Amino acid sequence: MGKRKSSAKPPPRKRMDKLDTVFSCPFCNHGTSVECRIDMKNLIGEAVCGICQESFSMTITALTEPID
Protein backbone atom coordinates (compact mmCIF):
# COMPACT_ATOMS: atom_id res chain seq x y z
CA MET A 1 0.00 0.00 0.00
CA GLY A 2 1.18 3.48 -0.82
CA LYS A 3 1.41 6.34 1.61
CA ARG A 4 -0.70 9.44 1.28
CA LYS A 5 1.10 12.54 0.13
CA SER A 6 1.41 15.19 2.80
CA SER A 7 -0.02 18.53 1.79
CA ALA A 8 2.62 21.21 1.37
CA LYS A 9 2.20 24.44 3.31
CA PRO A 10 1.81 27.57 1.19
CA PRO A 11 4.91 29.79 1.09
CA PRO A 12 4.91 32.66 3.59
CA ARG A 13 3.80 36.04 2.28
CA LYS A 14 6.51 38.61 1.70
CA ARG A 15 6.32 41.49 4.13
CA MET A 16 6.11 44.88 2.45
CA ASP A 17 8.39 47.45 4.04
CA LYS A 18 6.95 50.89 4.74
CA LEU A 19 7.98 53.52 2.23
CA ASP A 20 9.65 56.78 3.20
CA THR A 21 7.42 59.84 3.63
CA VAL A 22 10.26 62.31 4.36
CA PHE A 23 12.74 63.41 1.67
CA SER A 24 15.37 66.07 0.99
CA CYS A 25 14.17 69.32 -0.60
CA PRO A 26 15.21 69.94 -4.24
CA PHE A 27 15.05 73.74 -3.71
CA CYS A 28 16.99 74.30 -0.46
CA ASN A 29 18.86 70.92 -0.42
CA HIS A 30 18.06 70.44 3.25
CA GLY A 31 17.91 66.75 4.17
CA THR A 32 14.70 65.19 5.51
CA SER A 33 12.68 68.41 5.30
CA VAL A 34 10.00 67.50 2.73
CA GLU A 35 7.01 65.64 4.12
CA CYS A 36 4.57 63.90 1.77
CA ARG A 37 0.94 63.15 2.60
CA ILE A 38 -1.93 61.52 0.71
CA ASP A 39 -5.41 62.47 1.95
CA MET A 40 -7.79 59.92 0.44
CA LYS A 41 -10.82 61.55 2.10
CA ASN A 42 -10.33 64.91 0.35
CA LEU A 43 -8.49 63.40 -2.69
CA ILE A 44 -5.40 65.61 -2.26
CA GLY A 45 -1.72 64.64 -2.37
CA GLU A 46 0.68 67.16 -0.84
CA ALA A 47 4.46 67.64 -0.44
CA VAL A 48 5.66 70.46 1.84
CA CYS A 49 9.19 71.58 2.82
CA GLY A 50 9.46 72.53 6.48
CA ILE A 51 12.50 74.79 5.92
CA CYS A 52 11.81 76.90 2.81
CA GLN A 53 7.99 76.43 2.88
CA GLU A 54 7.84 75.32 -0.77
CA SER A 55 4.76 73.17 -1.39
CA PHE A 56 3.19 71.11 -4.14
CA SER A 57 -0.30 69.63 -4.12
CA MET A 58 -2.38 67.79 -6.67
CA THR A 59 -5.68 65.97 -6.94
CA ILE A 60 -5.49 62.21 -6.73
CA THR A 61 -7.71 59.37 -7.88
CA ALA A 62 -8.91 56.23 -6.15
CA LEU A 63 -6.06 54.34 -7.86
CA THR A 64 -3.35 56.57 -6.36
CA GLU A 65 -1.13 54.88 -3.78
CA PRO A 66 2.44 55.24 -2.53
CA ILE A 67 5.03 53.48 -4.71
CA ASP A 68 8.76 53.09 -4.42
PDB file of N, CA and C in Angstrom:
ATOM      1  N   MET A   1       0.835  -1.177   0.000  1.00  0.00           N
ATOM      2  CA  MET A   1       0.000   0.000   0.000  1.00  0.00           C
ATOM      3  C   MET A   1       0.879   1.239   0.000  1.00  0.00           C
ATOM      4  N   GLY A   2       0.427   2.227  -0.760  1.00  0.00           N
ATOM      5  CA  GLY A   2       1.182   3.480  -0.822  1.00  0.00           C
ATOM      6  C   GLY A   2       0.791   4.451   0.285  1.00  0.00           C
ATOM      7  N   LYS A   3       1.693   5.332   0.602  1.00  0.00           N
ATOM      8  CA  LYS A   3       1.409   6.343   1.614  1.00  0.00           C
ATOM      9  C   LYS A   3       0.703   7.529   0.969  1.00  0.00           C
ATOM     10  N   ARG A   4      -0.065   8.226   1.778  1.00  0.00           N
ATOM     11  CA  ARG A   4      -0.704   9.440   1.285  1.00  0.00           C
ATOM     12  C   ARG A   4       0.323  10.561   1.238  1.00  0.00           C
ATOM     13  N   LYS A   5       0.192  11.404   0.247  1.00  0.00           N
ATOM     14  CA  LYS A   5       1.103  12.537   0.129  1.00  0.00           C
ATOM     15  C   LYS A   5       0.713  13.590   1.168  1.00  0.00           C
ATOM     16  N   SER A   6       1.710  14.129   1.835  1.00  0.00           N
ATOM     17  CA  SER A   6       1.413  15.195   2.800  1.00  0.00           C
ATOM     18  C   SER A   6       1.214  16.501   2.030  1.00  0.00           C
ATOM     19  N   SER A   7       0.244  17.275   2.489  1.00  0.00           N
ATOM     20  CA  SER A   7      -0.023  18.530   1.791  1.00  0.00           C
ATOM     21  C   SER A   7       1.055  19.540   2.157  1.00  0.00           C
ATOM     22  N   ALA A   8       1.562  20.224   1.160  1.00  0.00           N
ATOM     23  CA  ALA A   8       2.615  21.210   1.372  1.00  0.00           C
ATOM     24  C   ALA A   8       2.004  22.517   1.858  1.00  0.00           C
ATOM     25  N   LYS A   9       2.674  23.154   2.811  1.00  0.00           N
ATOM     26  CA  LYS A   9       2.201  24.437   3.308  1.00  0.00           C
ATOM     27  C   LYS A   9       2.456  25.500   2.254  1.00  0.00           C
ATOM     28  N   PRO A  10       1.562  26.493   2.144  1.00  0.00           N
ATOM     29  CA  PRO A  10       1.807  27.573   1.186  1.00  0.00           C
ATOM     30  C   PRO A  10       3.008  28.407   1.645  1.00  0.00           C
ATOM     31  N   PRO A  11       3.747  28.985   0.702  1.00  0.00           N
ATOM     32  CA  PRO A  11       4.911  29.788   1.092  1.00  0.00           C
ATOM     33  C   PRO A  11       4.469  31.026   1.873  1.00  0.00           C
ATOM     34  N   PRO A  12       5.299  31.482   2.808  1.00  0.00           N
ATOM     35  CA  PRO A  12       4.914  32.660   3.595  1.00  0.00           C
ATOM     36  C   PRO A  12       4.856  33.904   2.717  1.00  0.00           C
ATOM     37  N   ARG A  13       3.943  34.816   3.057  1.00  0.00           N
ATOM     38  CA  ARG A  13       3.804  36.045   2.280  1.00  0.00           C
ATOM     39  C   ARG A  13       4.979  36.968   2.571  1.00  0.00           C
ATOM     40  N   LYS A  14       5.425  37.663   1.529  1.00  0.00           N
ATOM     41  CA  LYS A  14       6.508  38.605   1.704  1.00  0.00           C
ATOM     42  C   LYS A  14       5.985  39.851   2.411  1.00  0.00           C
ATOM     43  N   ARG A  15       6.727  40.307   3.396  1.00  0.00           N
ATOM     44  CA  ARG A  15       6.321  41.485   4.134  1.00  0.00           C
ATOM     45  C   ARG A  15       6.749  42.736   3.375  1.00  0.00           C
ATOM     46  N   MET A  16       5.809  43.641   3.141  1.00  0.00           N
ATOM     47  CA  MET A  16       6.110  44.883   2.449  1.00  0.00           C
ATOM     48  C   MET A  16       6.648  45.893   3.454  1.00  0.00           C
ATOM     49  N   ASP A  17       7.816  46.431   3.178  1.00  0.00           N
ATOM     50  CA  ASP A  17       8.390  47.453   4.040  1.00  0.00           C
ATOM     51  C   ASP A  17       7.668  48.778   3.815  1.00  0.00           C
ATOM     52  N   LYS A  18       7.578  49.575   4.869  1.00  0.00           N
ATOM     53  CA  LYS A  18       6.955  50.888   4.739  1.00  0.00           C
ATOM     54  C   LYS A  18       7.854  51.787   3.907  1.00  0.00           C
ATOM     55  N   LEU A  19       7.235  52.607   3.068  1.00  0.00           N
ATOM     56  CA  LEU A  19       7.980  53.525   2.226  1.00  0.00           C
ATOM     57  C   LEU A  19       8.251  54.823   2.972  1.00  0.00           C
ATOM     58  N   ASP A  20       9.304  55.517   2.578  1.00  0.00           N
ATOM     59  CA  ASP A  20       9.647  56.782   3.203  1.00  0.00           C
ATOM     60  C   ASP A  20       8.591  57.839   2.887  1.00  0.00           C
ATOM     61  N   THR A  21       8.323  58.714   3.856  1.00  0.00           N
ATOM     62  CA  THR A  21       7.423  59.843   3.625  1.00  0.00           C
ATOM     63  C   THR A  21       8.159  61.155   3.828  1.00  0.00           C
ATOM     64  N   VAL A  22       9.460  61.110   4.148  1.00  0.00           N
ATOM     65  CA  VAL A  22      10.263  62.311   4.362  1.00  0.00           C
ATOM     66  C   VAL A  22      11.459  62.254   3.422  1.00  0.00           C
ATOM     67  N   PHE A  23      11.693  63.364   2.686  1.00  0.00           N
ATOM     68  CA  PHE A  23      12.744  63.409   1.673  1.00  0.00           C
ATOM     69  C   PHE A  23      13.534  64.703   1.795  1.00  0.00           C
ATOM     70  N   SER A  24      14.624  64.816   1.033  1.00  0.00           N
ATOM     71  CA  SER A  24      15.375  66.066   0.989  1.00  0.00           C
ATOM     72  C   SER A  24      14.728  67.001  -0.039  1.00  0.00           C
ATOM     73  N   CYS A  25      14.825  68.306   0.235  1.00  0.00           N
ATOM     74  CA  CYS A  25      14.171  69.322  -0.595  1.00  0.00           C
ATOM     75  C   CYS A  25      15.017  69.612  -1.834  1.00  0.00           C
ATOM     76  N   PRO A  26      14.430  69.627  -3.041  1.00  0.00           N
ATOM     77  CA  PRO A  26      15.207  69.943  -4.241  1.00  0.00           C
ATOM     78  C   PRO A  26      15.519  71.444  -4.364  1.00  0.00           C
ATOM     79  N   PHE A  27      14.825  72.297  -3.622  1.00  0.00           N
ATOM     80  CA  PHE A  27      15.048  73.741  -3.712  1.00  0.00           C
ATOM     81  C   PHE A  27      16.126  74.213  -2.740  1.00  0.00           C
ATOM     82  N   CYS A  28      16.023  73.833  -1.454  1.00  0.00           N
ATOM     83  CA  CYS A  28      16.989  74.302  -0.463  1.00  0.00           C
ATOM     84  C   CYS A  28      18.030  73.243  -0.102  1.00  0.00           C
ATOM     85  N   ASN A  29      17.925  72.033  -0.648  1.00  0.00           N
ATOM     86  CA  ASN A  29      18.856  70.924  -0.420  1.00  0.00           C
ATOM     87  C   ASN A  29      19.009  70.552   1.048  1.00  0.00           C
ATOM     88  N   HIS A  30      18.012  70.811   1.843  1.00  0.00           N
ATOM     89  CA  HIS A  30      18.060  70.436   3.251  1.00  0.00           C
ATOM     90  C   HIS A  30      17.541  69.002   3.369  1.00  0.00           C
ATOM     91  N   GLY A  31      18.287  68.154   4.057  1.00  0.00           N
ATOM     92  CA  GLY A  31      17.911  66.749   4.173  1.00  0.00           C
ATOM     93  C   GLY A  31      16.718  66.536   5.083  1.00  0.00           C
ATOM     94  N   THR A  32      15.892  65.620   4.748  1.00  0.00           N
ATOM     95  CA  THR A  32      14.701  65.191   5.511  1.00  0.00           C
ATOM     96  C   THR A  32      13.802  66.356   5.907  1.00  0.00           C
ATOM     97  N   SER A  33      13.537  67.279   4.985  1.00  0.00           N
ATOM     98  CA  SER A  33      12.678  68.413   5.305  1.00  0.00           C
ATOM     99  C   SER A  33      11.352  68.380   4.557  1.00  0.00           C
ATOM    100  N   VAL A  34      11.244  67.574   3.511  1.00  0.00           N
ATOM    101  CA  VAL A  34      10.002  67.505   2.733  1.00  0.00           C
ATOM    102  C   VAL A  34       9.160  66.348   3.248  1.00  0.00           C
ATOM    103  N   GLU A  35       7.932  66.661   3.629  1.00  0.00           N
ATOM    104  CA  GLU A  35       7.006  65.643   4.119  1.00  0.00           C
ATOM    105  C   GLU A  35       5.886  65.465   3.097  1.00  0.00           C
ATOM    106  N   CYS A  36       5.595  64.212   2.759  1.00  0.00           N
ATOM    107  CA  CYS A  36       4.569  63.900   1.772  1.00  0.00           C
ATOM    108  C   CYS A  36       3.367  63.266   2.458  1.00  0.00           C
ATOM    109  N   ARG A  37       2.179  63.694   2.056  1.00  0.00           N
ATOM    110  CA  ARG A  37       0.942  63.145   2.605  1.00  0.00           C
ATOM    111  C   ARG A  37      -0.056  62.896   1.483  1.00  0.00           C
ATOM    112  N   ILE A  38      -0.840  61.827   1.632  1.00  0.00           N
ATOM    113  CA  ILE A  38      -1.929  61.522   0.712  1.00  0.00           C
ATOM    114  C   ILE A  38      -3.207  61.483   1.533  1.00  0.00           C
ATOM    115  N   ASP A  39      -4.128  62.391   1.239  1.00  0.00           N
ATOM    116  CA  ASP A  39      -5.405  62.467   1.947  1.00  0.00           C
ATOM    117  C   ASP A  39      -6.475  61.871   1.036  1.00  0.00           C
ATOM    118  N   MET A  40      -6.812  60.602   1.289  1.00  0.00           N
ATOM    119  CA  MET A  40      -7.793  59.918   0.438  1.00  0.00           C
ATOM    120  C   MET A  40      -9.213  60.450   0.654  1.00  0.00           C
ATOM    121  N   LYS A  41      -9.479  61.026   1.815  1.00  0.00           N
ATOM    122  CA  LYS A  41     -10.816  61.546   2.097  1.00  0.00           C
ATOM    123  C   LYS A  41     -11.121  62.768   1.233  1.00  0.00           C
ATOM    124  N   ASN A  42     -10.145  63.696   1.135  1.00  0.00           N
ATOM    125  CA  ASN A  42     -10.330  64.914   0.348  1.00  0.00           C
ATOM    126  C   ASN A  42      -9.717  64.814  -1.047  1.00  0.00           C
ATOM    127  N   LEU A  43      -9.115  63.661  -1.388  1.00  0.00           N
ATOM    128  CA  LEU A  43      -8.491  63.400  -2.691  1.00  0.00           C
ATOM    129  C   LEU A  43      -7.411  64.426  -3.029  1.00  0.00           C
ATOM    130  N   ILE A  44      -6.490  64.658  -2.062  1.00  0.00           N
ATOM    131  CA  ILE A  44      -5.400  65.610  -2.265  1.00  0.00           C
ATOM    132  C   ILE A  44      -4.088  64.951  -1.848  1.00  0.00           C
ATOM    133  N   GLY A  45      -3.071  65.057  -2.704  1.00  0.00           N
ATOM    134  CA  GLY A  45      -1.716  64.644  -2.374  1.00  0.00           C
ATOM    135  C   GLY A  45      -0.877  65.889  -2.200  1.00  0.00           C
ATOM    136  N   GLU A  46      -0.029  65.927  -1.159  1.00  0.00           N
ATOM    137  CA  GLU A  46       0.685  67.160  -0.843  1.00  0.00           C
ATOM    138  C   GLU A  46       2.114  66.856  -0.409  1.00  0.00           C
ATOM    139  N   ALA A  47       3.068  67.697  -0.857  1.00  0.00           N
ATOM    140  CA  ALA A  47       4.463  67.638  -0.435  1.00  0.00           C
ATOM    141  C   ALA A  47       4.864  69.033   0.011  1.00  0.00           C
ATOM    142  N   VAL A  48       5.340  69.152   1.262  1.00  0.00           N
ATOM    143  CA  VAL A  48       5.662  70.458   1.843  1.00  0.00           C
ATOM    144  C   VAL A  48       7.049  70.407   2.465  1.00  0.00           C
ATOM    145  N   CYS A  49       7.878  71.441   2.191  1.00  0.00           N
ATOM    146  CA  CYS A  49       9.190  71.576   2.816  1.00  0.00           C
ATOM    147  C   CYS A  49       9.029  72.366   4.108  1.00  0.00           C
ATOM    148  N   GLY A  50       9.568  71.859   5.200  1.00  0.00           N
ATOM    149  CA  GLY A  50       9.461  72.534   6.479  1.00  0.00           C
ATOM    150  C   GLY A  50      10.446  73.674   6.640  1.00  0.00           C
ATOM    151  N   ILE A  51      11.478  73.752   5.798  1.00  0.00           N
ATOM    152  CA  ILE A  51      12.500  74.788   5.920  1.00  0.00           C
ATOM    153  C   ILE A  51      12.175  75.993   5.040  1.00  0.00           C
ATOM    154  N   CYS A  52      12.030  75.775   3.731  1.00  0.00           N
ATOM    155  CA  CYS A  52      11.811  76.901   2.811  1.00  0.00           C
ATOM    156  C   CYS A  52      10.330  77.108   2.478  1.00  0.00           C
ATOM    157  N   GLN A  53       9.445  76.302   3.034  1.00  0.00           N
ATOM    158  CA  GLN A  53       7.992  76.430   2.878  1.00  0.00           C
ATOM    159  C   GLN A  53       7.501  76.272   1.437  1.00  0.00           C
ATOM    160  N   GLU A  54       8.306  75.653   0.566  1.00  0.00           N
ATOM    161  CA  GLU A  54       7.835  75.317  -0.771  1.00  0.00           C
ATOM    162  C   GLU A  54       6.816  74.193  -0.643  1.00  0.00           C
ATOM    163  N   SER A  55       5.774  74.219  -1.461  1.00  0.00           N
ATOM    164  CA  SER A  55       4.763  73.172  -1.393  1.00  0.00           C
ATOM    165  C   SER A  55       4.272  72.820  -2.790  1.00  0.00           C
ATOM    166  N   PHE A  56       3.780  71.607  -2.903  1.00  0.00           N
ATOM    167  CA  PHE A  56       3.188  71.111  -4.141  1.00  0.00           C
ATOM    168  C   PHE A  56       2.012  70.233  -3.753  1.00  0.00           C
ATOM    169  N   SER A  57       0.867  70.469  -4.377  1.00  0.00           N
ATOM    170  CA  SER A  57      -0.300  69.632  -4.117  1.00  0.00           C
ATOM    171  C   SER A  57      -0.993  69.330  -5.433  1.00  0.00           C
ATOM    172  N   MET A  58      -1.662  68.194  -5.461  1.00  0.00           N
ATOM    173  CA  MET A  58      -2.378  67.794  -6.670  1.00  0.00           C
ATOM    174  C   MET A  58      -3.556  66.919  -6.289  1.00  0.00           C
ATOM    175  N   THR A  59      -4.536  66.848  -7.180  1.00  0.00           N
ATOM    176  CA  THR A  59      -5.677  65.972  -6.942  1.00  0.00           C
ATOM    177  C   THR A  59      -5.264  64.548  -7.269  1.00  0.00           C
ATOM    178  N   ILE A  60      -5.823  63.603  -6.539  1.00  0.00           N
ATOM    179  CA  ILE A  60      -5.494  62.207  -6.730  1.00  0.00           C
ATOM    180  C   ILE A  60      -6.762  61.446  -7.085  1.00  0.00           C
ATOM    181  N   THR A  61      -6.587  60.226  -7.550  1.00  0.00           N
ATOM    182  CA  THR A  61      -7.710  59.365  -7.885  1.00  0.00           C
ATOM    183  C   THR A  61      -7.770  58.212  -6.897  1.00  0.00           C
ATOM    184  N   ALA A  62      -8.771  57.381  -7.031  1.00  0.00           N
ATOM    185  CA  ALA A  62      -8.911  56.227  -6.149  1.00  0.00           C
ATOM    186  C   ALA A  62      -7.796  55.204  -6.395  1.00  0.00           C
ATOM    187  N   LEU A  63      -7.135  55.274  -7.533  1.00  0.00           N
ATOM    188  CA  LEU A  63      -6.056  54.336  -7.860  1.00  0.00           C
ATOM    189  C   LEU A  63      -4.697  54.812  -7.348  1.00  0.00           C
ATOM    190  N   THR A  64      -4.617  56.023  -6.829  1.00  0.00           N
ATOM    191  CA  THR A  64      -3.347  56.570  -6.358  1.00  0.00           C
ATOM    192  C   THR A  64      -2.937  55.907  -5.056  1.00  0.00           C
ATOM    193  N   GLU A  65      -1.673  55.469  -4.996  1.00  0.00           N
ATOM    194  CA  GLU A  65      -1.129  54.878  -3.779  1.00  0.00           C
ATOM    195  C   GLU A  65       0.362  55.091  -3.765  1.00  0.00           C
ATOM    196  N   PRO A  66       0.991  55.061  -2.586  1.00  0.00           N
ATOM    197  CA  PRO A  66       2.436  55.242  -2.532  1.00  0.00           C
ATOM    198  C   PRO A  66       3.176  54.123  -3.258  1.00  0.00           C
ATOM    199  N   ILE A  67       4.201  54.484  -4.041  1.00  0.00           N
ATOM    200  CA  ILE A  67       5.027  53.478  -4.714  1.00  0.00           C
ATOM    201  C   ILE A  67       6.473  53.799  -4.435  1.00  0.00           C
ATOM    202  N   ASP A  68       7.353  52.843  -4.698  1.00  0.00           N
ATOM    203  CA  ASP A  68       8.765  53.091  -4.422  1.00  0.00           C
ATOM    204  C   ASP A  68       9.481  53.668  -5.605  1.00  0.00           C
TER     205      ASP A  68
END
